[in-house]
């Protein structure tokens, strides 16, 4: 459960997410953008952030500079997560 999940912080994160969502979705491998709790080393941080879903996480050195997801946008941290879609 996010500890920063007050209405003001969520509204701030939502505004930044909406401002950068199209830019993120235009990057190769990005399949979704959402708001959620940032996870670091498998642990919830309690901090709301912009979750960027990709088809495959890759080391930064394998990506073009323009394809790297910034660690934050306007003070809102990002969390890149691999998303595997399974057809039912």
Protein backbone atom coordinates (compact mmCIF):
# COMPACT_ATOMS: atom_id res chain seq x y z
CA UNK A 1 0.00 0.00 0.00
CA UNK A 2 1.45 3.35 -1.01
CA UNK A 3 2.19 5.69 1.85
CA UNK A 4 2.19 8.73 -0.43
CA UNK A 5 -1.20 7.85 -1.87
CA UNK A 6 -2.92 11.06 -0.86
CA UNK A 7 -5.08 12.86 -3.40
CA UNK A 8 -2.61 15.69 -3.97
CA UNK A 9 0.33 13.45 -4.77
CA UNK A 10 -1.76 11.17 -7.00
CA UNK A 11 -3.04 14.21 -8.92
CA UNK A 12 0.54 15.45 -9.38
CA UNK A 13 1.74 12.07 -10.63
CA UNK A 14 -1.30 11.75 -12.93
CA UNK A 15 -0.61 15.16 -14.51
CA UNK A 16 3.01 14.24 -15.24
CA UNK A 17 2.01 10.79 -16.54
CA UNK A 18 -0.52 12.31 -18.92
CA UNK A 19 2.07 14.81 -20.16
CA UNK A 20 4.68 12.15 -21.01
CA UNK A 21 2.55 9.12 -21.87
CA UNK A 22 2.55 9.59 -25.66
CA UNK A 23 6.30 10.18 -25.66
CA UNK A 24 6.86 6.97 -23.69
CA UNK A 25 4.50 4.88 -25.83
CA UNK A 26 6.40 5.98 -28.94
CA UNK A 27 9.58 4.32 -27.67
CA UNK A 28 10.40 0.83 -28.97
CA UNK A 29 9.19 -1.95 -26.68
CA UNK A 30 6.94 0.21 -24.50
CA UNK A 31 3.46 -1.32 -24.33
CA UNK A 32 1.83 0.57 -21.47
CA UNK A 33 2.09 3.44 -18.99
CA UNK A 34 0.32 3.60 -15.63
CA UNK A 35 0.53 5.00 -12.11
CA UNK A 36 1.54 2.70 -9.30
CA UNK A 37 3.82 2.04 -6.41
CA UNK A 38 7.49 1.96 -7.31
CA UNK A 39 9.24 -1.35 -6.64
CA UNK A 40 12.99 -1.52 -6.03
CA UNK A 41 14.79 -4.86 -5.71
CA UNK A 42 11.44 -6.61 -5.34
CA UNK A 43 10.27 -4.40 -2.48
CA UNK A 44 7.46 -1.83 -2.54
CA UNK A 45 8.90 1.59 -1.80
CA UNK A 46 5.66 3.28 -0.74
CA UNK A 47 6.27 5.92 -3.40
CA UNK A 48 3.88 6.60 -6.27
CA UNK A 49 5.47 6.75 -9.66
CA UNK A 50 5.00 6.29 -13.37
CA UNK A 51 5.08 2.60 -14.27
CA UNK A 52 6.40 1.95 -17.78
CA UNK A 53 5.60 -1.52 -19.13
CA UNK A 54 7.95 -2.97 -21.74
CA UNK A 55 7.97 -6.21 -23.72
CA UNK A 56 11.52 -6.94 -22.58
CA UNK A 57 13.81 -5.21 -20.10
CA UNK A 58 17.25 -4.64 -21.56
CA UNK A 59 20.49 -3.29 -20.13
CA UNK A 60 20.87 0.43 -20.79
CA UNK A 61 23.99 -0.13 -22.89
CA UNK A 62 21.90 -2.15 -25.40
CA UNK A 63 19.52 0.77 -25.98
CA UNK A 64 19.87 3.89 -28.08
CA UNK A 65 20.15 6.98 -25.88
CA UNK A 66 16.68 8.17 -26.95
CA UNK A 67 15.12 4.82 -25.99
CA UNK A 68 16.29 4.81 -22.36
CA UNK A 69 13.47 5.53 -19.90
CA UNK A 70 14.52 8.43 -17.62
CA UNK A 71 14.64 7.64 -13.90
CA UNK A 72 12.19 10.49 -13.35
CA UNK A 73 10.05 13.09 -15.07
CA UNK A 74 9.48 16.42 -13.30
CA UNK A 75 10.30 14.91 -9.92
CA UNK A 76 8.14 11.80 -10.42
CA UNK A 77 10.17 8.58 -10.46
CA UNK A 78 9.67 5.90 -13.08
CA UNK A 79 9.61 2.15 -12.69
CA UNK A 80 10.23 -0.01 -15.77
CA UNK A 81 8.53 -3.41 -15.61
CA UNK A 82 8.49 -6.25 -18.07
CA UNK A 83 4.98 -7.24 -19.12
CA UNK A 84 4.31 -10.65 -20.56
CA UNK A 85 0.99 -11.00 -22.32
CA UNK A 86 -0.47 -14.48 -22.41
CA UNK A 87 -3.33 -15.10 -24.80
CA UNK A 88 -6.13 -17.16 -23.30
